[in-house]
Amino acid sequence: MVSDGKSIRKMVLLRTFAQQIRVTMNQKEAVIEALKKLGGRAHLSDIYKFAYPLADWSGSQNWQNTLRWYLQKGTDTFRSPKRGWWELLSFQEEIASRDKRIKELEEEVARLKAIKTEDAFVIKIVDVVKKRFRHKSERNKAVAVSQLMAFVGREDASENLAEWLDGKEKPFFAIGGDYVLNKHVENEIDKVEAGATGVSINKSEK
């Protein structure tokens, strides 16, 4: 409880300032506004400081007692989570809403992290092609995929497949960068045939 003369004078000055800017609230509204300014939850001593300038407490024999009465009786508006502390009931709703939003954002981050990068996507394509098109009769399909890789700007994958077709494959598939696939193949591709790697490109490709 504020009792020293210096603090009282400070609060009087704050109240005068509030009156000058035409702050017109009743006492309960002042308590609510004070808690809002304090983030929805605050110690009683801080509520005193913020609420006093916002309303006319002159009719109260002891304005601190009056303020506490509003807190204690306003069970539809206020709650005391622990001794000396008070909060707006709506504060709990705001916290729940914030926590829900945080959870949603965390789930979105996890979803985005799970999206395969272009490098992982290309590596998978090369790996599948090598497993699916081992026979010479199917090598033309591997050539088509190699050409497609070059078309979308992945010369590294195209060259690796070409070396594999020629039997000169390097010990490992070296690629660079780690970025999300953002190139779009439009009408240059005729169709995607059945199967993960059944891809053919337009024969009229320049």
N, C-alpha and C. Protein backbone atom coordinates (compact mmCIF):
# COMPACT_ATOMS: atom_id res chain seq x y z
N MET A 1 0.84 -1.19 0.00
CA MET A 1 0.00 0.00 0.00
C MET A 1 0.88 1.24 0.00
N VAL A 2 0.52 2.22 -0.83
CA VAL A 2 1.29 3.45 -0.92
C VAL A 2 0.93 4.35 0.25
N SER A 3 1.94 4.79 0.99
CA SER A 3 1.65 5.62 2.16
C SER A 3 2.55 6.83 2.30
N ASP A 4 3.74 6.81 1.69
CA ASP A 4 4.65 7.93 1.89
C ASP A 4 4.18 9.14 1.09
N GLY A 5 4.51 10.33 1.60
CA GLY A 5 4.05 11.58 1.02
C GLY A 5 4.50 11.79 -0.40
N LYS A 6 5.72 11.37 -0.73
CA LYS A 6 6.25 11.56 -2.07
C LYS A 6 5.42 10.79 -3.09
N SER A 7 5.06 9.54 -2.78
CA SER A 7 4.26 8.74 -3.70
C SER A 7 2.87 9.30 -3.86
N ILE A 8 2.30 9.81 -2.75
CA ILE A 8 0.96 10.41 -2.82
C ILE A 8 0.98 11.63 -3.73
N ARG A 9 1.99 12.46 -3.58
CA ARG A 9 2.10 13.66 -4.42
C ARG A 9 2.24 13.27 -5.88
N LYS A 10 3.00 12.21 -6.14
CA LYS A 10 3.19 11.75 -7.50
C LYS A 10 1.87 11.29 -8.10
N MET A 11 1.07 10.58 -7.31
CA MET A 11 -0.21 10.10 -7.80
C MET A 11 -1.18 11.24 -8.04
N VAL A 12 -1.10 12.27 -7.19
CA VAL A 12 -1.96 13.44 -7.38
C VAL A 12 -1.63 14.12 -8.70
N LEU A 13 -0.32 14.21 -9.00
CA LEU A 13 0.10 14.81 -10.26
C LEU A 13 -0.38 13.98 -11.45
N LEU A 14 -0.31 12.65 -11.31
CA LEU A 14 -0.78 11.78 -12.37
C LEU A 14 -2.27 11.92 -12.57
N ARG A 15 -3.00 12.05 -11.47
CA ARG A 15 -4.45 12.22 -11.57
C ARG A 15 -4.79 13.54 -12.24
N THR A 16 -4.05 14.57 -11.89
CA THR A 16 -4.28 15.88 -12.50
C THR A 16 -4.03 15.82 -14.00
N PHE A 17 -2.98 15.12 -14.37
CA PHE A 17 -2.67 14.97 -15.79
C PHE A 17 -3.78 14.20 -16.50
N ALA A 18 -4.26 13.15 -15.87
CA ALA A 18 -5.33 12.37 -16.47
C ALA A 18 -6.58 13.21 -16.67
N GLN A 19 -6.86 14.08 -15.70
CA GLN A 19 -8.03 14.94 -15.82
C GLN A 19 -7.84 15.96 -16.95
N GLN A 20 -6.60 16.39 -17.12
CA GLN A 20 -6.32 17.37 -18.17
C GLN A 20 -6.55 16.78 -19.56
N ILE A 21 -6.30 15.50 -19.71
CA ILE A 21 -6.52 14.88 -21.02
C ILE A 21 -7.92 14.25 -21.09
N ARG A 22 -8.75 14.64 -20.14
CA ARG A 22 -10.16 14.26 -20.14
C ARG A 22 -10.38 12.75 -20.09
N VAL A 23 -9.64 12.11 -19.21
CA VAL A 23 -9.88 10.70 -18.98
C VAL A 23 -11.08 10.59 -18.05
N THR A 24 -12.17 10.05 -18.52
CA THR A 24 -13.39 9.95 -17.72
C THR A 24 -13.77 8.49 -17.59
N MET A 25 -13.52 7.93 -16.43
CA MET A 25 -13.85 6.54 -16.14
C MET A 25 -14.44 6.45 -14.76
N ASN A 26 -15.28 5.44 -14.56
CA ASN A 26 -15.68 5.19 -13.18
C ASN A 26 -14.59 4.37 -12.52
N GLN A 27 -14.74 4.09 -11.27
CA GLN A 27 -13.65 3.46 -10.51
C GLN A 27 -13.34 2.03 -10.99
N LYS A 28 -14.39 1.26 -11.27
CA LYS A 28 -14.14 -0.11 -11.75
C LYS A 28 -13.46 -0.08 -13.11
N GLU A 29 -13.90 0.82 -13.97
CA GLU A 29 -13.28 0.93 -15.29
C GLU A 29 -11.81 1.30 -15.16
N ALA A 30 -11.50 2.11 -14.16
CA ALA A 30 -10.11 2.51 -13.94
C ALA A 30 -9.26 1.31 -13.55
N VAL A 31 -9.83 0.43 -12.71
CA VAL A 31 -9.09 -0.77 -12.30
C VAL A 31 -8.86 -1.68 -13.51
N ILE A 32 -9.90 -1.83 -14.34
CA ILE A 32 -9.78 -2.67 -15.54
C ILE A 32 -8.72 -2.10 -16.49
N GLU A 33 -8.78 -0.78 -16.69
CA GLU A 33 -7.83 -0.14 -17.60
C GLU A 33 -6.41 -0.27 -17.08
N ALA A 34 -6.26 -0.14 -15.76
CA ALA A 34 -4.93 -0.26 -15.16
C ALA A 34 -4.35 -1.65 -15.44
N LEU A 35 -5.18 -2.67 -15.25
CA LEU A 35 -4.70 -4.03 -15.49
C LEU A 35 -4.39 -4.26 -16.97
N LYS A 36 -5.17 -3.66 -17.85
CA LYS A 36 -4.87 -3.77 -19.27
C LYS A 36 -3.51 -3.16 -19.59
N LYS A 37 -3.26 -1.98 -19.02
CA LYS A 37 -1.97 -1.31 -19.25
C LYS A 37 -0.81 -2.14 -18.70
N LEU A 38 -1.10 -2.93 -17.69
CA LEU A 38 -0.07 -3.73 -17.04
C LEU A 38 0.02 -5.14 -17.64
N GLY A 39 -0.64 -5.36 -18.76
CA GLY A 39 -0.53 -6.64 -19.44
C GLY A 39 -1.53 -7.69 -19.02
N GLY A 40 -2.56 -7.29 -18.26
CA GLY A 40 -3.60 -8.24 -17.87
C GLY A 40 -3.41 -8.85 -16.51
N ARG A 41 -2.19 -8.75 -15.98
CA ARG A 41 -1.88 -9.30 -14.65
C ARG A 41 -0.85 -8.41 -13.98
N ALA A 42 -1.04 -8.13 -12.69
CA ALA A 42 -0.09 -7.24 -12.00
C ALA A 42 -0.22 -7.38 -10.50
N HIS A 43 0.82 -6.91 -9.83
CA HIS A 43 0.79 -6.86 -8.36
C HIS A 43 -0.10 -5.70 -7.93
N LEU A 44 -0.72 -5.84 -6.78
CA LEU A 44 -1.64 -4.83 -6.29
C LEU A 44 -1.00 -3.44 -6.20
N SER A 45 0.26 -3.39 -5.81
CA SER A 45 0.94 -2.10 -5.67
C SER A 45 1.02 -1.36 -7.01
N ASP A 46 1.17 -2.09 -8.09
CA ASP A 46 1.22 -1.47 -9.41
C ASP A 46 -0.18 -1.07 -9.88
N ILE A 47 -1.16 -1.88 -9.52
CA ILE A 47 -2.53 -1.52 -9.88
C ILE A 47 -2.92 -0.20 -9.23
N TYR A 48 -2.52 -0.01 -7.98
CA TYR A 48 -2.76 1.27 -7.30
C TYR A 48 -2.25 2.43 -8.14
N LYS A 49 -0.99 2.31 -8.54
CA LYS A 49 -0.32 3.42 -9.23
C LYS A 49 -1.00 3.76 -10.56
N PHE A 50 -1.42 2.74 -11.27
CA PHE A 50 -1.99 2.98 -12.60
C PHE A 50 -3.47 3.35 -12.54
N ALA A 51 -4.19 2.84 -11.55
CA ALA A 51 -5.63 3.08 -11.49
C ALA A 51 -5.97 4.44 -10.86
N TYR A 52 -5.16 4.89 -9.93
CA TYR A 52 -5.50 6.11 -9.19
C TYR A 52 -5.72 7.33 -10.10
N PRO A 53 -4.86 7.56 -11.09
CA PRO A 53 -5.05 8.78 -11.89
C PRO A 53 -6.24 8.71 -12.87
N LEU A 54 -6.81 7.54 -13.03
CA LEU A 54 -7.81 7.36 -14.07
C LEU A 54 -9.25 7.62 -13.62
N ALA A 55 -9.47 7.79 -12.34
CA ALA A 55 -10.84 7.99 -11.84
C ALA A 55 -10.84 8.92 -10.64
N ASP A 56 -12.00 9.35 -10.26
CA ASP A 56 -12.18 10.22 -9.09
C ASP A 56 -12.45 9.34 -7.88
N TRP A 57 -11.48 9.31 -6.98
CA TRP A 57 -11.60 8.50 -5.77
C TRP A 57 -11.90 9.35 -4.54
N SER A 58 -12.21 10.62 -4.76
CA SER A 58 -12.37 11.55 -3.64
C SER A 58 -13.53 11.18 -2.73
N GLY A 59 -14.52 10.46 -3.25
CA GLY A 59 -15.66 10.07 -2.41
C GLY A 59 -15.37 8.89 -1.51
N SER A 60 -14.21 8.30 -1.66
CA SER A 60 -13.84 7.14 -0.85
C SER A 60 -13.02 7.57 0.36
N GLN A 61 -13.41 7.07 1.54
CA GLN A 61 -12.65 7.39 2.74
C GLN A 61 -11.23 6.85 2.64
N ASN A 62 -11.11 5.67 2.04
CA ASN A 62 -9.79 5.07 1.79
C ASN A 62 -9.84 4.47 0.39
N TRP A 63 -9.24 5.17 -0.57
CA TRP A 63 -9.38 4.76 -1.96
C TRP A 63 -8.75 3.41 -2.25
N GLN A 64 -7.66 3.05 -1.51
CA GLN A 64 -7.06 1.73 -1.72
C GLN A 64 -8.02 0.61 -1.32
N ASN A 65 -8.76 0.83 -0.22
CA ASN A 65 -9.74 -0.17 0.20
C ASN A 65 -10.85 -0.30 -0.84
N THR A 66 -11.25 0.83 -1.40
CA THR A 66 -12.29 0.82 -2.43
C THR A 66 -11.82 0.05 -3.66
N LEU A 67 -10.58 0.30 -4.04
CA LEU A 67 -10.02 -0.38 -5.21
C LEU A 67 -9.97 -1.89 -4.96
N ARG A 68 -9.54 -2.28 -3.78
CA ARG A 68 -9.49 -3.72 -3.46
C ARG A 68 -10.89 -4.32 -3.44
N TRP A 69 -11.86 -3.55 -3.03
CA TRP A 69 -13.25 -4.04 -2.99
C TRP A 69 -13.71 -4.40 -4.40
N TYR A 70 -13.38 -3.55 -5.36
CA TYR A 70 -13.74 -3.84 -6.74
C TYR A 70 -13.08 -5.14 -7.21
N LEU A 71 -11.82 -5.31 -6.85
CA LEU A 71 -11.11 -6.53 -7.24
C LEU A 71 -11.73 -7.77 -6.61
N GLN A 72 -12.04 -7.67 -5.33
CA GLN A 72 -12.55 -8.83 -4.59
C GLN A 72 -13.99 -9.18 -4.95
N LYS A 73 -14.79 -8.17 -5.23
CA LYS A 73 -16.21 -8.41 -5.54
C LYS A 73 -16.46 -8.62 -7.03
N GLY A 74 -15.54 -8.20 -7.84
CA GLY A 74 -15.74 -8.32 -9.29
C GLY A 74 -15.33 -9.67 -9.81
N THR A 75 -15.97 -10.73 -9.28
CA THR A 75 -15.58 -12.09 -9.66
C THR A 75 -15.87 -12.40 -11.13
N ASP A 76 -16.69 -11.57 -11.76
CA ASP A 76 -16.96 -11.75 -13.18
C ASP A 76 -15.89 -11.10 -14.05
N THR A 77 -15.01 -10.36 -13.41
CA THR A 77 -14.00 -9.59 -14.16
C THR A 77 -12.57 -9.87 -13.69
N PHE A 78 -12.40 -10.05 -12.37
CA PHE A 78 -11.05 -10.17 -11.80
C PHE A 78 -10.85 -11.53 -11.12
N ARG A 79 -9.58 -11.89 -11.02
CA ARG A 79 -9.22 -13.12 -10.33
C ARG A 79 -7.85 -12.93 -9.71
N SER A 80 -7.64 -13.56 -8.55
CA SER A 80 -6.35 -13.47 -7.89
C SER A 80 -5.63 -14.81 -8.02
N PRO A 81 -4.61 -14.90 -8.90
CA PRO A 81 -3.90 -16.17 -9.10
C PRO A 81 -3.02 -16.53 -7.91
N LYS A 82 -2.57 -15.52 -7.18
CA LYS A 82 -1.79 -15.75 -5.97
C LYS A 82 -1.82 -14.50 -5.11
N ARG A 83 -1.41 -14.63 -3.89
CA ARG A 83 -1.52 -13.54 -2.93
C ARG A 83 -0.83 -12.28 -3.44
N GLY A 84 -1.58 -11.16 -3.43
CA GLY A 84 -1.02 -9.87 -3.83
C GLY A 84 -1.10 -9.60 -5.33
N TRP A 85 -1.51 -10.59 -6.11
CA TRP A 85 -1.58 -10.45 -7.56
C TRP A 85 -3.02 -10.57 -8.04
N TRP A 86 -3.32 -9.77 -9.07
CA TRP A 86 -4.66 -9.80 -9.65
C TRP A 86 -4.54 -9.80 -11.18
N GLU A 87 -5.56 -10.38 -11.79
CA GLU A 87 -5.56 -10.42 -13.25
C GLU A 87 -6.99 -10.34 -13.78
N LEU A 88 -7.10 -9.91 -15.01
CA LEU A 88 -8.39 -9.89 -15.69
C LEU A 88 -8.72 -11.32 -16.13
N LEU A 89 -9.98 -11.73 -15.99
CA LEU A 89 -10.37 -13.04 -16.47
C LEU A 89 -10.12 -13.16 -17.97
N SER A 90 -10.31 -12.07 -18.67
CA SER A 90 -10.07 -12.08 -20.13
C SER A 90 -8.60 -12.34 -20.43
N PHE A 91 -7.73 -12.07 -19.45
CA PHE A 91 -6.30 -12.31 -19.63
C PHE A 91 -6.06 -13.80 -19.88
N GLN A 92 -6.80 -14.67 -19.19
CA GLN A 92 -6.66 -16.10 -19.38
C GLN A 92 -7.05 -16.50 -20.80
N GLU A 93 -8.10 -15.84 -21.31
CA GLU A 93 -8.53 -16.12 -22.68
C GLU A 93 -7.46 -15.69 -23.68
N GLU A 94 -6.84 -14.54 -23.39
CA GLU A 94 -5.78 -14.04 -24.28
C GLU A 94 -4.58 -14.98 -24.26
N ILE A 95 -4.26 -15.48 -23.06
CA ILE A 95 -3.14 -16.42 -22.93
C ILE A 95 -3.43 -17.70 -23.69
N ALA A 96 -4.67 -18.20 -23.55
CA ALA A 96 -5.05 -19.42 -24.25
C ALA A 96 -5.00 -19.22 -25.77
N SER A 97 -5.46 -18.05 -26.21
CA SER A 97 -5.43 -17.73 -27.64
C SER A 97 -3.99 -17.64 -28.13
N ARG A 98 -3.13 -17.02 -27.33
CA ARG A 98 -1.72 -16.89 -27.71
C ARG A 98 -1.05 -18.25 -27.78
N ASP A 99 -1.33 -19.10 -26.77
CA ASP A 99 -0.73 -20.44 -26.75
C ASP A 99 -1.19 -21.27 -27.94
N LYS A 100 -2.47 -21.11 -28.30
CA LYS A 100 -3.00 -21.82 -29.46
C LYS A 100 -2.29 -21.37 -30.73
N ARG A 101 -2.08 -20.05 -30.84
CA ARG A 101 -1.40 -19.52 -32.02
C ARG A 101 0.04 -19.99 -32.08
N ILE A 102 0.71 -20.04 -30.94
CA ILE A 102 2.09 -20.52 -30.88
C ILE A 102 2.16 -21.97 -31.34
N LYS A 103 1.19 -22.78 -30.88
CA LYS A 103 1.16 -24.19 -31.28
C LYS A 103 0.96 -24.31 -32.78
N GLU A 104 0.05 -23.47 -33.33
CA GLU A 104 -0.20 -23.50 -34.77
C GLU A 104 1.06 -23.14 -35.55
N LEU A 105 1.79 -22.13 -35.06
CA LEU A 105 3.01 -21.72 -35.74
C LEU A 105 4.09 -22.80 -35.66
N GLU A 106 4.17 -23.46 -34.50
CA GLU A 106 5.15 -24.53 -34.34
C GLU A 106 4.83 -25.68 -35.29
N GLU A 107 3.54 -25.99 -35.45
CA GLU A 107 3.15 -27.05 -36.37
C GLU A 107 3.46 -26.66 -37.81
N GLU A 108 3.27 -25.37 -38.13
CA GLU A 108 3.56 -24.90 -39.48
C GLU A 108 5.07 -24.97 -39.77
N VAL A 109 5.87 -24.60 -38.76
CA VAL A 109 7.32 -24.69 -38.92
C VAL A 109 7.75 -26.14 -39.14
N ALA A 110 7.15 -27.05 -38.36
CA ALA A 110 7.48 -28.47 -38.51
C ALA A 110 7.08 -28.97 -39.90
N ARG A 111 5.93 -28.50 -40.40
CA ARG A 111 5.48 -28.90 -41.73
C ARG A 111 6.44 -28.42 -42.81
N LEU A 112 6.87 -27.15 -42.67
CA LEU A 112 7.78 -26.58 -43.65
C LEU A 112 9.14 -27.28 -43.62
N LYS A 113 9.59 -27.63 -42.41
CA LYS A 113 10.87 -28.33 -42.30
C LYS A 113 10.80 -29.71 -42.93
N ALA A 114 9.59 -30.29 -42.93
CA ALA A 114 9.43 -31.64 -43.48
C ALA A 114 9.38 -31.65 -45.00
N ILE A 115 9.18 -30.48 -45.61
CA ILE A 115 9.14 -30.40 -47.07
C ILE A 115 10.52 -30.72 -47.63
N LYS A 116 10.54 -31.62 -48.57
CA LYS A 116 11.83 -32.01 -49.14
C LYS A 116 12.45 -30.84 -49.90
N THR A 117 13.73 -30.68 -49.72
CA THR A 117 14.44 -29.66 -50.46
C THR A 117 14.64 -30.12 -51.89
N GLU A 118 15.01 -29.21 -52.75
CA GLU A 118 15.24 -29.58 -54.15
C GLU A 118 16.34 -30.62 -54.24
N ASP A 119 17.39 -30.44 -53.45
CA ASP A 119 18.50 -31.39 -53.52
C ASP A 119 18.03 -32.79 -53.16
N ALA A 120 17.23 -32.90 -52.07
CA ALA A 120 16.75 -34.21 -51.66
C ALA A 120 15.83 -34.81 -52.73
N PHE A 121 15.03 -33.94 -53.34
CA PHE A 121 14.11 -34.37 -54.40
C PHE A 121 14.89 -34.89 -55.61
N VAL A 122 15.90 -34.17 -56.03
CA VAL A 122 16.70 -34.56 -57.20
C VAL A 122 17.48 -35.84 -56.92
N ILE A 123 18.05 -35.94 -55.73
CA ILE A 123 18.79 -37.15 -55.37
C ILE A 123 17.87 -38.36 -55.46
N LYS A 124 16.64 -38.20 -54.97
CA LYS A 124 15.69 -39.31 -55.01
C LYS A 124 15.37 -39.69 -56.45
N ILE A 125 15.17 -38.71 -57.31
CA ILE A 125 14.89 -38.99 -58.72
C ILE A 125 16.03 -39.78 -59.35
N VAL A 126 17.26 -39.33 -59.15
CA VAL A 126 18.42 -40.00 -59.73
C VAL A 126 18.52 -41.43 -59.21
N ASP A 127 18.28 -41.60 -57.92
CA ASP A 127 18.37 -42.93 -57.31
C ASP A 127 17.33 -43.86 -57.90
N VAL A 128 16.09 -43.36 -58.03
CA VAL A 128 15.01 -44.19 -58.58
C VAL A 128 15.29 -44.55 -60.03
N VAL A 129 15.77 -43.58 -60.83
CA VAL A 129 16.07 -43.83 -62.24
C VAL A 129 17.10 -44.95 -62.37
N LYS A 130 18.12 -44.90 -61.56
CA LYS A 130 19.17 -45.91 -61.65
C LYS A 130 18.66 -47.30 -61.27
N LYS A 131 17.68 -47.34 -60.36
CA LYS A 131 17.14 -48.64 -59.95
C LYS A 131 16.11 -49.17 -60.94
N ARG A 132 15.35 -48.26 -61.55
CA ARG A 132 14.25 -48.67 -62.41
C ARG A 132 14.67 -48.95 -63.86
N PHE A 133 15.69 -48.23 -64.34
CA PHE A 133 16.03 -48.31 -65.76
C PHE A 133 17.43 -48.89 -65.99
N ARG A 134 17.66 -50.05 -65.39
CA ARG A 134 18.97 -50.68 -65.52
C ARG A 134 19.16 -51.36 -66.88
N HIS A 135 18.07 -51.86 -67.43
CA HIS A 135 18.17 -52.59 -68.70
C HIS A 135 18.36 -51.62 -69.87
N LYS A 136 19.12 -52.06 -70.84
CA LYS A 136 19.42 -51.20 -71.99
C LYS A 136 18.16 -50.79 -72.74
N SER A 137 17.15 -51.68 -72.74
CA SER A 137 15.92 -51.37 -73.46
C SER A 137 15.17 -50.19 -72.85
N GLU A 138 15.51 -49.86 -71.62
CA GLU A 138 14.82 -48.78 -70.93
C GLU A 138 15.70 -47.54 -70.78
N ARG A 139 16.89 -47.59 -71.34
CA ARG A 139 17.82 -46.50 -71.14
C ARG A 139 17.30 -45.19 -71.73
N ASN A 140 16.42 -45.27 -72.76
CA ASN A 140 15.91 -44.04 -73.36
C ASN A 140 15.09 -43.24 -72.34
N LYS A 141 14.48 -43.95 -71.39
CA LYS A 141 13.73 -43.26 -70.35
C LYS A 141 14.69 -42.52 -69.41
N ALA A 142 15.80 -43.14 -69.13
CA ALA A 142 16.79 -42.49 -68.28
C ALA A 142 17.36 -41.26 -68.98
N VAL A 143 17.53 -41.37 -70.29
CA VAL A 143 18.00 -40.22 -71.08
C VAL A 143 17.00 -39.08 -70.97
N ALA A 144 15.71 -39.43 -71.05
CA ALA A 144 14.66 -38.41 -70.96
C ALA A 144 14.72 -37.70 -69.61
N VAL A 145 14.94 -38.45 -68.55
CA VAL A 145 15.03 -37.84 -67.22
C VAL A 145 16.26 -36.97 -67.12
N SER A 146 17.36 -37.44 -67.71
CA SER A 146 18.58 -36.64 -67.72
C SER A 146 18.37 -35.31 -68.43
N GLN A 147 17.67 -35.37 -69.56
CA GLN A 147 17.37 -34.14 -70.30
C GLN A 147 16.45 -33.21 -69.48
N LEU A 148 15.50 -33.82 -68.78
CA LEU A 148 14.59 -33.04 -67.95
C LEU A 148 15.36 -32.33 -66.83
N MET A 149 16.30 -33.03 -66.22
CA MET A 149 17.10 -32.42 -65.17
C MET A 149 17.86 -31.20 -65.71
N ALA A 150 18.39 -31.33 -66.92
CA ALA A 150 19.10 -30.21 -67.53
C ALA A 150 18.14 -29.07 -67.82
N PHE A 151 16.92 -29.41 -68.24
CA PHE A 151 15.91 -28.40 -68.57
C PHE A 151 15.55 -27.55 -67.35
N VAL A 152 15.47 -28.16 -66.18
CA VAL A 152 15.11 -27.41 -64.97
C VAL A 152 16.34 -26.82 -64.27
N GLY A 153 17.48 -26.88 -64.95
CA GLY A 153 18.67 -26.23 -64.41
C GLY A 153 19.51 -27.07 -63.48
N ARG A 154 19.27 -28.40 -63.45
CA ARG A 154 20.08 -29.26 -62.59
C ARG A 154 21.05 -30.06 -63.44
N GLU A 155 22.02 -29.33 -63.98
CA GLU A 155 23.03 -29.96 -64.83
C GLU A 155 23.82 -31.01 -64.06
N ASP A 156 23.97 -30.81 -62.76
CA ASP A 156 24.73 -31.78 -61.95
C ASP A 156 24.06 -33.15 -62.01
N ALA A 157 22.72 -33.18 -61.89
CA ALA A 157 22.00 -34.45 -61.96
C ALA A 157 22.03 -35.01 -63.38
N SER A 158 21.88 -34.11 -64.35
CA SER A 158 21.92 -34.55 -65.75
C SER A 158 23.25 -35.20 -66.09
N GLU A 159 24.34 -34.57 -65.67
CA GLU A 159 25.67 -35.10 -65.96
C GLU A 159 25.89 -36.42 -65.24
N ASN A 160 25.38 -36.52 -64.00
CA ASN A 160 25.54 -37.76 -63.25
C ASN A 160 24.83 -38.91 -63.93
N LEU A 161 23.61 -38.67 -64.44
CA LEU A 161 22.88 -39.71 -65.14
C LEU A 161 23.57 -40.08 -66.46
N ALA A 162 24.12 -39.08 -67.14
CA ALA A 162 24.83 -39.34 -68.39
C ALA A 162 26.05 -40.23 -68.14
N GLU A 163 26.77 -39.95 -67.06
CA GLU A 163 27.94 -40.77 -66.71
C GLU A 163 27.51 -42.18 -66.35
N TRP A 164 26.36 -42.27 -65.67
CA TRP A 164 25.85 -43.60 -65.31
C TRP A 164 25.48 -44.39 -66.56
N LEU A 165 24.87 -43.72 -67.53
CA LEU A 165 24.49 -44.37 -68.80
C LEU A 165 25.71 -44.84 -69.57
N ASP A 166 26.80 -44.07 -69.46
CA ASP A 166 28.04 -44.41 -70.17
C ASP A 166 28.92 -45.36 -69.38
N GLY A 167 28.46 -45.72 -68.18
CA GLY A 167 29.26 -46.60 -67.34
C GLY A 167 30.45 -45.92 -66.73
N LYS A 168 30.41 -44.58 -66.63
CA LYS A 168 31.53 -43.83 -66.07
C LYS A 168 31.10 -43.04 -64.83
N GLU A 169 30.17 -43.59 -64.11
CA GLU A 169 29.61 -42.87 -62.96
C GLU A 169 30.68 -42.63 -61.89
N LYS A 170 30.63 -41.44 -61.31
CA LYS A 170 31.54 -41.11 -60.22
C LYS A 170 31.14 -41.88 -58.97
N PRO A 171 32.03 -41.98 -57.98
CA PRO A 171 31.73 -42.75 -56.76
C PRO A 171 30.51 -42.23 -56.00
N PHE A 172 30.23 -40.97 -56.11
CA PHE A 172 29.09 -40.42 -55.39
C PHE A 172 28.48 -39.27 -56.20
N PHE A 173 27.27 -38.97 -55.88
CA PHE A 173 26.53 -37.91 -56.58
C PHE A 173 26.72 -36.62 -55.80
N ALA A 174 27.61 -35.76 -56.26
CA ALA A 174 27.90 -34.51 -55.55
C ALA A 174 26.99 -33.40 -56.06
N ILE A 175 26.28 -32.77 -55.15
CA ILE A 175 25.42 -31.64 -55.49
C ILE A 175 25.73 -30.48 -54.57
N GLY A 176 25.24 -29.31 -54.96
CA GLY A 176 25.50 -28.13 -54.13
C GLY A 176 24.22 -27.40 -53.82
N GLY A 177 24.23 -26.70 -52.72
CA GLY A 177 23.07 -25.89 -52.37
C GLY A 177 22.02 -26.69 -51.63
N ASP A 178 21.09 -25.99 -51.03
CA ASP A 178 20.00 -26.61 -50.30
C ASP A 178 18.84 -25.65 -50.34
N TYR A 179 18.08 -25.69 -51.43
CA TYR A 179 17.03 -24.71 -51.60
C TYR A 179 15.76 -25.39 -52.09
N VAL A 180 14.64 -24.80 -51.78
CA VAL A 180 13.36 -25.38 -52.14
C VAL A 180 13.13 -25.25 -53.64
N LEU A 181 12.59 -26.29 -54.23
CA LEU A 181 12.34 -26.30 -55.68
C LEU A 181 11.34 -25.21 -56.04
N ASN A 182 11.77 -24.31 -56.91
CA ASN A 182 10.88 -23.22 -57.30
C ASN A 182 10.83 -23.01 -58.81
N LYS A 183 11.47 -23.91 -59.55
CA LYS A 183 11.40 -23.81 -61.01
C LYS A 183 10.15 -24.54 -61.48
N HIS A 184 9.52 -24.06 -62.50
CA HIS A 184 8.29 -24.66 -62.99
C HIS A 184 8.47 -25.08 -64.44
N VAL A 185 8.20 -26.35 -64.72
CA VAL A 185 8.24 -26.86 -66.08
C VAL A 185 6.82 -26.75 -66.63
N GLU A 186 6.64 -25.93 -67.66
CA GLU A 186 5.29 -25.66 -68.16
C GLU A 186 4.95 -26.59 -69.32
N ASN A 187 4.76 -26.05 -70.49
CA ASN A 187 4.31 -26.86 -71.62
C ASN A 187 5.43 -27.58 -72.35
N GLU A 188 6.65 -27.50 -71.81
CA GLU A 188 7.76 -28.16 -72.48
C GLU A 188 7.76 -29.67 -72.23
N ILE A 189 6.96 -30.11 -71.26
CA ILE A 189 6.89 -31.53 -70.96
C ILE A 189 5.57 -32.06 -71.49
N ASP A 190 5.62 -33.08 -72.29
CA ASP A 190 4.40 -33.65 -72.88
C ASP A 190 3.51 -34.25 -71.81
N LYS A 191 4.07 -35.12 -71.01
CA LYS A 191 3.25 -35.84 -70.04
C LYS A 191 4.13 -36.51 -69.00
N VAL A 192 3.49 -36.94 -67.94
CA VAL A 192 4.14 -37.76 -66.93
C VAL A 192 3.47 -39.11 -66.98
N GLU A 193 4.19 -40.12 -67.45
CA GLU A 193 3.62 -41.45 -67.63
C GLU A 193 3.45 -42.14 -66.28
N ALA A 194 2.76 -43.26 -66.30
CA ALA A 194 2.55 -44.03 -65.07
C ALA A 194 3.89 -44.45 -64.51
N GLY A 195 4.02 -44.36 -63.20
CA GLY A 195 5.29 -44.69 -62.57
C GLY A 195 6.02 -43.45 -62.14
N ALA A 196 6.80 -43.57 -61.07
CA ALA A 196 7.45 -42.40 -60.49
C ALA A 196 8.40 -41.72 -61.43
N THR A 197 8.99 -42.47 -62.34
CA THR A 197 10.01 -41.88 -63.20
C THR A 197 9.65 -41.98 -64.68
N GLY A 198 8.40 -42.28 -64.98
CA GLY A 198 8.03 -42.37 -66.37
C GLY A 198 7.80 -41.01 -66.97
N VAL A 199 8.87 -40.28 -67.26
CA VAL A 199 8.79 -38.90 -67.71
C VAL A 199 9.28 -38.80 -69.13
N SER A 200 8.55 -38.11 -69.97
CA SER A 200 9.05 -37.85 -71.33
C SER A 200 8.96 -36.37 -71.60
N ILE A 201 9.85 -35.86 -72.40
CA ILE A 201 9.84 -34.44 -72.69
C ILE A 201 9.45 -34.21 -74.13
N ASN A 202 9.01 -33.00 -74.44
CA ASN A 202 8.58 -32.65 -75.78
C ASN A 202 9.71 -32.86 -76.78
N LYS A 203 9.40 -33.62 -77.83
CA LYS A 203 10.45 -33.89 -78.82
C LYS A 203 10.86 -32.65 -79.58
N SER A 204 9.99 -31.65 -79.55
CA SER A 204 10.31 -30.40 -80.29
C SER A 204 11.06 -29.43 -79.42
N GLU A 205 11.51 -29.91 -78.25
CA GLU A 205 12.24 -29.02 -77.33
C GLU A 205 13.47 -28.45 -78.01
N LYS A 206 13.63 -27.16 -77.78
CA LYS A 206 14.78 -26.49 -78.39
C LYS A 206 16.03 -26.77 -77.59
